């Protein structure tokens, strides 16, 4: 048994027939609570498509679709029509309050739902950052043959803890699409936890 845990009897053990449990000497500083709001994109926003998320869009539109990884809805980022193939970019982001000194774990699911007309590529970048410093960075390139092959689940833990002088981070998903129209990415099950 580790030196920072002690064996003790649960206060209600006599009444509930519970046995022995381990009690930590120190309270865990990084409780694994969910830090993201509306990570399933179930709630529609007032000023954006998704509540609690900010959008920055250039020839990409945001929609909600009932093809979820979990729950009832997913986010859909889709290219808008252009006469010739063009680079189209969009991002959704959320500022999140985090406990300093903790590592962070980002998880999400994404799928290339449609490789549109004159599709060249879809690039996805998931970031957790403060100022210009990335704590987590995940980059994904999708090709046309990967369309509608199902959601891919991603999870990554930050290499470094949140610095003591940082109280919030930004979680951002960026897409870059080259096509003439109708390429779309589905995103769902976004989670950020302190660990």
Protein backbone atom coordinates (compact mmCIF):
# COMPACT_ATOMS: atom_id res chain seq x y z
CA UNK A 1 0.00 0.00 0.00
CA UNK A 2 1.38 3.43 -0.87
CA UNK A 3 2.65 5.64 1.91
CA UNK A 4 0.23 8.47 1.09
CA UNK A 5 -2.87 6.30 1.65
CA UNK A 6 -4.12 4.74 4.84
CA UNK A 7 -6.50 1.91 5.46
CA UNK A 8 -9.61 2.88 7.38
CA UNK A 9 -13.16 1.84 7.99
CA UNK A 10 -15.88 3.70 6.11
CA UNK A 11 -18.10 5.64 8.59
CA UNK A 12 -21.25 3.90 7.29
CA UNK A 13 -19.63 0.47 6.89
CA UNK A 14 -21.52 -1.04 9.85
CA UNK A 15 -24.92 -0.01 8.47
CA UNK A 16 -24.29 -0.85 4.81
CA UNK A 17 -21.99 -3.87 5.08
CA UNK A 18 -19.24 -2.00 3.30
CA UNK A 19 -15.74 -3.16 3.98
CA UNK A 20 -12.49 -1.24 4.04
CA UNK A 21 -11.67 1.62 1.69
CA UNK A 22 -8.54 3.64 1.00
CA UNK A 23 -8.47 7.20 2.18
CA UNK A 24 -5.97 9.63 0.68
CA UNK A 25 -3.91 11.74 3.08
CA UNK A 26 -3.96 14.68 0.70
CA UNK A 27 -6.93 15.96 -1.24
CA UNK A 28 -6.50 15.45 -4.97
CA UNK A 29 -5.74 18.92 -6.44
CA UNK A 30 -6.86 18.05 -9.98
CA UNK A 31 -10.37 16.70 -9.79
CA UNK A 32 -11.37 15.13 -13.15
CA UNK A 33 -14.43 17.31 -13.76
CA UNK A 34 -15.66 18.33 -17.19
CA UNK A 35 -14.41 21.81 -18.11
CA UNK A 36 -16.07 22.18 -21.55
CA UNK A 37 -19.62 23.46 -21.88
CA UNK A 38 -21.83 21.98 -24.61
CA UNK A 39 -19.15 19.57 -25.86
CA UNK A 40 -21.88 17.49 -27.50
CA UNK A 41 -23.25 20.49 -29.43
CA UNK A 42 -26.74 19.69 -28.18
CA UNK A 43 -27.61 23.31 -27.29
CA UNK A 44 -28.08 25.86 -30.03
CA UNK A 45 -26.53 29.26 -29.50
CA UNK A 46 -28.12 32.69 -29.62
CA UNK A 47 -25.33 34.45 -31.53
CA UNK A 48 -23.61 31.37 -32.93
CA UNK A 49 -24.74 27.93 -34.08
CA UNK A 50 -23.53 26.28 -30.87
CA UNK A 51 -24.05 27.65 -27.35
CA UNK A 52 -20.78 28.45 -25.51
CA UNK A 53 -18.70 28.27 -28.72
CA UNK A 54 -17.32 31.19 -30.75
CA UNK A 55 -17.06 30.91 -34.52
CA UNK A 56 -14.56 32.38 -36.98
CA UNK A 57 -15.63 31.49 -40.50
CA UNK A 58 -14.21 32.17 -43.98
CA UNK A 59 -16.16 30.29 -46.67
CA UNK A 60 -17.17 27.66 -44.10
CA UNK A 61 -20.55 27.46 -42.40
CA UNK A 62 -21.58 25.76 -39.17
CA UNK A 63 -24.63 23.52 -38.86
CA UNK A 64 -26.06 20.99 -36.44
CA UNK A 65 -26.67 17.48 -37.72
CA UNK A 66 -28.40 14.45 -36.23
CA UNK A 67 -25.52 12.07 -36.99
CA UNK A 68 -23.88 12.08 -33.54
CA UNK A 69 -20.97 10.22 -32.06
CA UNK A 70 -22.93 10.44 -28.80
CA UNK A 71 -26.13 12.21 -27.78
CA UNK A 72 -28.54 13.58 -30.40
CA UNK A 73 -26.55 16.19 -32.36
CA UNK A 74 -23.08 16.83 -33.76
CA UNK A 75 -21.37 19.94 -35.06
CA UNK A 76 -20.95 20.14 -38.82
CA UNK A 77 -18.44 22.47 -40.48
CA UNK A 78 -19.13 22.63 -44.22
CA UNK A 79 -17.55 24.46 -47.13
CA UNK A 80 -19.65 27.00 -49.03
CA UNK A 81 -19.86 26.93 -52.86
CA UNK A 82 -17.20 28.75 -54.89
CA UNK A 83 -16.68 28.80 -58.65
CA UNK A 84 -13.14 27.40 -58.47
CA UNK A 85 -11.37 25.28 -55.84
CA UNK A 86 -10.32 27.55 -52.97
CA UNK A 87 -8.85 27.35 -49.50
CA UNK A 88 -11.70 27.72 -47.00
CA UNK A 89 -11.16 28.06 -43.27
CA UNK A 90 -13.26 27.97 -40.16
CA UNK A 91 -12.83 27.51 -36.45
CA UNK A 92 -14.88 27.10 -33.33
CA UNK A 93 -13.41 27.85 -29.93
CA UNK A 94 -14.26 28.09 -26.26
CA UNK A 95 -12.43 29.80 -23.41
CA UNK A 96 -12.29 27.48 -20.40
CA UNK A 97 -11.36 28.13 -16.76
CA UNK A 98 -8.73 25.60 -15.64
CA UNK A 99 -6.98 24.75 -12.36
CA UNK A 100 -3.29 25.80 -12.44
CA UNK A 101 -0.80 23.01 -11.83
CA UNK A 102 -2.93 20.32 -13.46
CA UNK A 103 -2.38 18.42 -16.68
CA UNK A 104 -5.27 18.56 -19.16
CA UNK A 105 -6.83 15.77 -21.23
CA UNK A 106 -8.63 16.64 -24.48
CA UNK A 107 -10.83 14.09 -26.21
CA UNK A 108 -13.18 14.35 -29.18
CA UNK A 109 -14.54 12.44 -32.17
CA UNK A 110 -14.47 13.62 -35.78
CA UNK A 111 -15.50 12.29 -39.18
CA UNK A 112 -15.05 13.45 -42.76
CA UNK A 113 -18.74 13.31 -43.58
CA UNK A 114 -18.55 14.39 -47.21
CA UNK A 115 -15.68 14.92 -49.66
CA UNK A 116 -17.31 17.57 -51.86
CA UNK A 117 -16.86 18.73 -55.44
CA UNK A 118 -13.22 19.06 -56.54
CA UNK A 119 -12.08 17.95 -53.10
CA UNK A 120 -8.31 18.30 -52.55
CA UNK A 121 -7.96 18.00 -48.78
CA UNK A 122 -9.41 18.56 -45.33
CA UNK A 123 -7.04 19.50 -42.53
CA UNK A 124 -8.23 19.55 -38.91
CA UNK A 125 -6.32 21.00 -35.98
CA UNK A 126 -7.42 20.67 -32.36
CA UNK A 127 -5.60 22.91 -29.88
CA UNK A 128 -5.64 23.75 -26.20
CA UNK A 129 -3.58 26.88 -25.63
CA UNK A 130 -2.99 30.03 -23.59
CA UNK A 131 -1.43 33.17 -25.08
CA UNK A 132 0.53 31.59 -27.97
CA UNK A 133 1.62 28.47 -26.07
CA UNK A 134 0.07 25.11 -27.02
CA UNK A 135 -0.58 22.65 -24.22
CA UNK A 136 -2.21 20.18 -26.61
CA UNK A 137 -2.01 20.09 -30.41
CA UNK A 138 -3.58 17.39 -32.61
CA UNK A 139 -3.35 17.63 -36.42
CA UNK A 140 -5.38 15.42 -38.76
CA UNK A 141 -5.33 15.21 -42.57
CA UNK A 142 -8.30 13.59 -44.28
CA UNK A 143 -8.42 12.21 -47.82
CA UNK A 144 -11.52 11.57 -49.94
CA UNK A 145 -11.46 7.77 -49.44
CA UNK A 146 -11.96 8.37 -45.69
CA UNK A 147 -15.41 9.95 -46.16
CA UNK A 148 -18.23 8.26 -44.23
CA UNK A 149 -16.01 5.62 -42.67
CA UNK A 150 -17.23 6.44 -39.16
CA UNK A 151 -16.06 8.65 -36.35
CA UNK A 152 -12.44 8.58 -35.25
CA UNK A 153 -11.90 9.13 -31.52
CA UNK A 154 -8.90 11.18 -30.39
CA UNK A 155 -7.49 11.74 -26.90
CA UNK A 156 -4.35 13.48 -25.74
CA UNK A 157 -2.91 14.55 -22.38
CA UNK A 158 -0.82 17.70 -22.14
CA UNK A 159 2.91 17.10 -21.71
CA UNK A 160 3.14 20.00 -19.28
CA UNK A 161 0.77 21.14 -16.53
CA UNK A 162 -1.09 24.43 -16.67
CA UNK A 163 1.34 27.08 -15.35
CA UNK A 164 0.56 28.58 -11.94
CA UNK A 165 -0.07 32.03 -13.46
CA UNK A 166 -2.64 30.73 -16.02
CA UNK A 167 -6.31 30.42 -15.05
CA UNK A 168 -7.92 29.86 -18.47
CA UNK A 169 -7.13 28.25 -21.80
CA UNK A 170 -8.76 28.24 -25.22
CA UNK A 171 -9.98 25.02 -26.82
CA UNK A 172 -10.07 25.47 -30.59
CA UNK A 173 -10.95 23.32 -33.59
CA UNK A 174 -9.77 24.64 -36.95
CA UNK A 175 -10.60 23.27 -40.39
CA UNK A 176 -8.98 24.02 -43.73
CA UNK A 177 -10.78 22.71 -46.80
CA UNK A 178 -9.83 22.92 -50.47
CA UNK A 179 -12.77 22.25 -52.82
CA UNK A 180 -15.54 23.99 -54.74
CA UNK A 181 -18.40 22.93 -52.42
CA UNK A 182 -20.02 20.56 -49.93
CA UNK A 183 -17.05 19.14 -48.01
CA UNK A 184 -18.02 18.69 -44.38
CA UNK A 185 -16.52 17.59 -41.10
CA UNK A 186 -18.52 16.27 -38.15
CA UNK A 187 -17.30 16.95 -34.62
CA UNK A 188 -18.78 15.60 -31.40
CA UNK A 189 -18.02 14.39 -27.88
CA UNK A 190 -15.59 17.20 -27.03
CA UNK A 191 -14.23 16.90 -23.50
CA UNK A 192 -11.52 18.69 -21.53
CA UNK A 193 -10.64 17.44 -18.05
CA UNK A 194 -8.00 18.30 -15.51
CA UNK A 195 -6.03 15.24 -14.43
